[in-house]
Amino acid sequence: MLGLFDRTILPAYVEAPLDPRLPVSEAVARVALSKARDSASRAPKGSLVLGADTIVCLEGKILGKPKNA
């Protein structure tokens, strides 16, 4: 933790499907960006917003999202 600012969690309320045509890392990055944009739209102006997503893959093939996070 940086300890430089107060933290507020704003969950994303978007369902962004993974694009199977993209490399796994790029597909997941796009979903994370979509989630960050959604949260940022509700965050106070000037906020630092982090977006993330988790996907299970094996040898470059997407197996799906974790069942329990």
N, C-alpha and C. Protein backbone atom coordinates (compact mmCIF):
# COMPACT_ATOMS: atom_id res chain seq x y z
N MET A 1 0.83 -1.18 0.00
CA MET A 1 0.00 0.00 0.00
C MET A 1 0.87 1.25 0.00
N LEU A 2 0.47 2.16 -0.82
CA LEU A 2 1.25 3.39 -0.92
C LEU A 2 1.04 4.30 0.27
N GLY A 3 -0.15 4.28 0.84
CA GLY A 3 -0.43 5.13 1.98
C GLY A 3 -0.50 6.61 1.64
N LEU A 4 -0.66 6.93 0.37
CA LEU A 4 -0.67 8.32 -0.04
C LEU A 4 -2.06 8.92 -0.15
N PHE A 5 -3.09 8.08 -0.10
CA PHE A 5 -4.43 8.58 -0.32
C PHE A 5 -5.44 7.64 0.31
N ASP A 6 -6.63 8.15 0.50
CA ASP A 6 -7.72 7.30 0.97
C ASP A 6 -8.14 6.37 -0.16
N ARG A 7 -8.62 5.19 0.21
CA ARG A 7 -9.03 4.21 -0.79
C ARG A 7 -10.53 3.97 -0.71
N THR A 8 -11.17 3.91 -1.84
CA THR A 8 -12.57 3.57 -1.95
C THR A 8 -12.69 2.52 -3.03
N ILE A 9 -13.44 1.46 -2.77
CA ILE A 9 -13.64 0.42 -3.76
C ILE A 9 -14.95 0.69 -4.49
N LEU A 10 -14.87 0.83 -5.80
CA LEU A 10 -16.04 1.02 -6.65
C LEU A 10 -16.08 -0.14 -7.64
N PRO A 11 -16.85 -1.17 -7.34
CA PRO A 11 -16.91 -2.32 -8.25
C PRO A 11 -17.43 -1.91 -9.63
N ALA A 12 -16.96 -2.59 -10.64
CA ALA A 12 -17.45 -2.36 -12.00
C ALA A 12 -18.75 -3.13 -12.18
N TYR A 13 -19.67 -2.52 -12.90
CA TYR A 13 -20.96 -3.15 -13.17
C TYR A 13 -21.14 -3.40 -14.66
N VAL A 14 -20.10 -3.89 -15.29
CA VAL A 14 -20.17 -4.21 -16.72
C VAL A 14 -19.81 -5.67 -16.92
N GLU A 15 -20.42 -6.27 -17.90
CA GLU A 15 -20.05 -7.61 -18.33
C GLU A 15 -19.34 -7.44 -19.66
N ALA A 16 -18.04 -7.52 -19.63
CA ALA A 16 -17.25 -7.36 -20.84
C ALA A 16 -16.73 -8.73 -21.26
N PRO A 17 -17.26 -9.27 -22.34
CA PRO A 17 -16.81 -10.60 -22.77
C PRO A 17 -15.38 -10.55 -23.31
N LEU A 18 -14.69 -11.65 -23.14
CA LEU A 18 -13.34 -11.76 -23.69
C LEU A 18 -13.45 -11.98 -25.19
N ASP A 19 -12.58 -11.31 -25.95
CA ASP A 19 -12.55 -11.47 -27.40
C ASP A 19 -11.62 -12.63 -27.73
N PRO A 20 -12.17 -13.77 -28.17
CA PRO A 20 -11.33 -14.95 -28.42
C PRO A 20 -10.36 -14.78 -29.58
N ARG A 21 -10.52 -13.73 -30.37
CA ARG A 21 -9.62 -13.51 -31.50
C ARG A 21 -8.31 -12.87 -31.07
N LEU A 22 -8.28 -12.32 -29.86
CA LEU A 22 -7.09 -11.63 -29.36
C LEU A 22 -6.22 -12.56 -28.55
N PRO A 23 -4.92 -12.23 -28.43
CA PRO A 23 -4.08 -12.96 -27.48
C PRO A 23 -4.67 -12.80 -26.08
N VAL A 24 -4.50 -13.81 -25.24
CA VAL A 24 -5.11 -13.81 -23.90
C VAL A 24 -4.77 -12.55 -23.13
N SER A 25 -3.52 -12.16 -23.10
CA SER A 25 -3.13 -10.99 -22.31
C SER A 25 -3.83 -9.72 -22.80
N GLU A 26 -3.99 -9.56 -24.10
CA GLU A 26 -4.67 -8.37 -24.63
C GLU A 26 -6.17 -8.43 -24.34
N ALA A 27 -6.77 -9.60 -24.47
CA ALA A 27 -8.20 -9.75 -24.19
C ALA A 27 -8.51 -9.40 -22.74
N VAL A 28 -7.70 -9.89 -21.82
CA VAL A 28 -7.92 -9.61 -20.40
C VAL A 28 -7.66 -8.13 -20.11
N ALA A 29 -6.65 -7.55 -20.73
CA ALA A 29 -6.36 -6.13 -20.54
C ALA A 29 -7.54 -5.27 -21.00
N ARG A 30 -8.19 -5.65 -22.09
CA ARG A 30 -9.35 -4.89 -22.57
C ARG A 30 -10.52 -4.97 -21.60
N VAL A 31 -10.72 -6.15 -21.01
CA VAL A 31 -11.79 -6.29 -20.01
C VAL A 31 -11.47 -5.43 -18.80
N ALA A 32 -10.22 -5.47 -18.34
CA ALA A 32 -9.82 -4.66 -17.19
C ALA A 32 -10.01 -3.18 -17.48
N LEU A 33 -9.68 -2.74 -18.69
CA LEU A 33 -9.86 -1.34 -19.06
C LEU A 33 -11.34 -0.96 -19.05
N SER A 34 -12.18 -1.85 -19.55
CA SER A 34 -13.63 -1.60 -19.54
C SER A 34 -14.14 -1.44 -18.11
N LYS A 35 -13.66 -2.30 -17.21
CA LYS A 35 -14.06 -2.22 -15.80
C LYS A 35 -13.55 -0.93 -15.16
N ALA A 36 -12.31 -0.56 -15.47
CA ALA A 36 -11.75 0.67 -14.91
C ALA A 36 -12.53 1.90 -15.39
N ARG A 37 -12.90 1.90 -16.65
CA ARG A 37 -13.68 3.03 -17.18
C ARG A 37 -15.03 3.13 -16.50
N ASP A 38 -15.66 1.97 -16.26
CA ASP A 38 -16.95 1.98 -15.59
C ASP A 38 -16.82 2.56 -14.18
N SER A 39 -15.84 2.09 -13.43
CA SER A 39 -15.63 2.59 -12.08
C SER A 39 -15.23 4.07 -12.09
N ALA A 40 -14.40 4.46 -13.04
CA ALA A 40 -13.95 5.85 -13.13
C ALA A 40 -15.12 6.79 -13.41
N SER A 41 -16.12 6.29 -14.10
CA SER A 41 -17.27 7.16 -14.42
C SER A 41 -18.05 7.54 -13.16
N ARG A 42 -17.84 6.78 -12.07
CA ARG A 42 -18.53 7.07 -10.81
C ARG A 42 -17.59 7.59 -9.73
N ALA A 43 -16.31 7.66 -10.03
CA ALA A 43 -15.32 8.12 -9.05
C ALA A 43 -15.21 9.64 -9.07
N PRO A 44 -14.80 10.22 -7.94
CA PRO A 44 -14.58 11.67 -7.93
C PRO A 44 -13.53 12.07 -8.97
N LYS A 45 -13.71 13.24 -9.55
CA LYS A 45 -12.77 13.74 -10.56
C LYS A 45 -11.36 13.75 -9.98
N GLY A 46 -10.40 13.31 -10.80
CA GLY A 46 -9.01 13.30 -10.39
C GLY A 46 -8.59 12.05 -9.63
N SER A 47 -9.50 11.10 -9.47
CA SER A 47 -9.18 9.87 -8.73
C SER A 47 -8.25 8.97 -9.54
N LEU A 48 -7.43 8.23 -8.83
CA LEU A 48 -6.62 7.18 -9.42
C LEU A 48 -7.48 5.93 -9.43
N VAL A 49 -7.70 5.35 -10.59
CA VAL A 49 -8.57 4.17 -10.71
C VAL A 49 -7.76 3.01 -11.26
N LEU A 50 -7.86 1.87 -10.61
CA LEU A 50 -7.19 0.65 -11.07
C LEU A 50 -8.26 -0.34 -11.51
N GLY A 51 -8.06 -0.96 -12.65
CA GLY A 51 -8.98 -1.99 -13.13
C GLY A 51 -8.22 -3.30 -13.25
N ALA A 52 -8.93 -4.40 -13.04
CA ALA A 52 -8.29 -5.71 -13.13
C ALA A 52 -9.32 -6.75 -13.53
N ASP A 53 -8.83 -7.86 -14.03
CA ASP A 53 -9.68 -9.00 -14.33
C ASP A 53 -8.83 -10.25 -14.18
N THR A 54 -9.49 -11.35 -13.90
CA THR A 54 -8.79 -12.62 -13.73
C THR A 54 -9.37 -13.63 -14.71
N ILE A 55 -8.51 -14.37 -15.35
CA ILE A 55 -8.95 -15.42 -16.26
C ILE A 55 -8.01 -16.61 -16.10
N VAL A 56 -8.56 -17.78 -16.25
CA VAL A 56 -7.74 -18.99 -16.17
C VAL A 56 -7.43 -19.43 -17.59
N CYS A 57 -6.13 -19.63 -17.87
CA CYS A 57 -5.75 -20.12 -19.19
C CYS A 57 -4.63 -21.14 -19.05
N LEU A 58 -4.52 -21.97 -20.06
CA LEU A 58 -3.48 -23.00 -20.09
C LEU A 58 -2.93 -23.05 -21.51
N GLU A 59 -1.63 -22.86 -21.63
CA GLU A 59 -0.96 -22.90 -22.92
C GLU A 59 -1.62 -21.98 -23.95
N GLY A 60 -2.01 -20.77 -23.49
CA GLY A 60 -2.58 -19.79 -24.38
C GLY A 60 -4.05 -19.95 -24.68
N LYS A 61 -4.70 -20.98 -24.11
CA LYS A 61 -6.13 -21.19 -24.33
C LYS A 61 -6.90 -20.77 -23.09
N ILE A 62 -7.94 -19.98 -23.32
CA ILE A 62 -8.78 -19.52 -22.22
C ILE A 62 -9.68 -20.65 -21.73
N LEU A 63 -9.58 -20.94 -20.43
CA LEU A 63 -10.42 -21.97 -19.84
C LEU A 63 -11.66 -21.37 -19.16
N GLY A 64 -11.58 -20.13 -18.78
CA GLY A 64 -12.73 -19.46 -18.17
C GLY A 64 -12.33 -18.62 -16.98
N LYS A 65 -13.34 -18.11 -16.31
CA LYS A 65 -13.13 -17.29 -15.12
C LYS A 65 -13.13 -18.20 -13.90
N PRO A 66 -12.41 -17.81 -12.85
CA PRO A 66 -12.46 -18.58 -11.62
C PRO A 66 -13.89 -18.63 -11.07
N LYS A 67 -14.27 -19.75 -10.51
CA LYS A 67 -15.62 -19.90 -9.96
C LYS A 67 -15.78 -19.10 -8.66
N ASN A 68 -14.74 -19.04 -7.84
CA ASN A 68 -14.79 -18.30 -6.57
C ASN A 68 -13.65 -17.30 -6.58
N ALA A 69 -13.99 -16.07 -6.32
CA ALA A 69 -12.94 -15.05 -6.30
C ALA A 69 -12.88 -14.41 -4.94
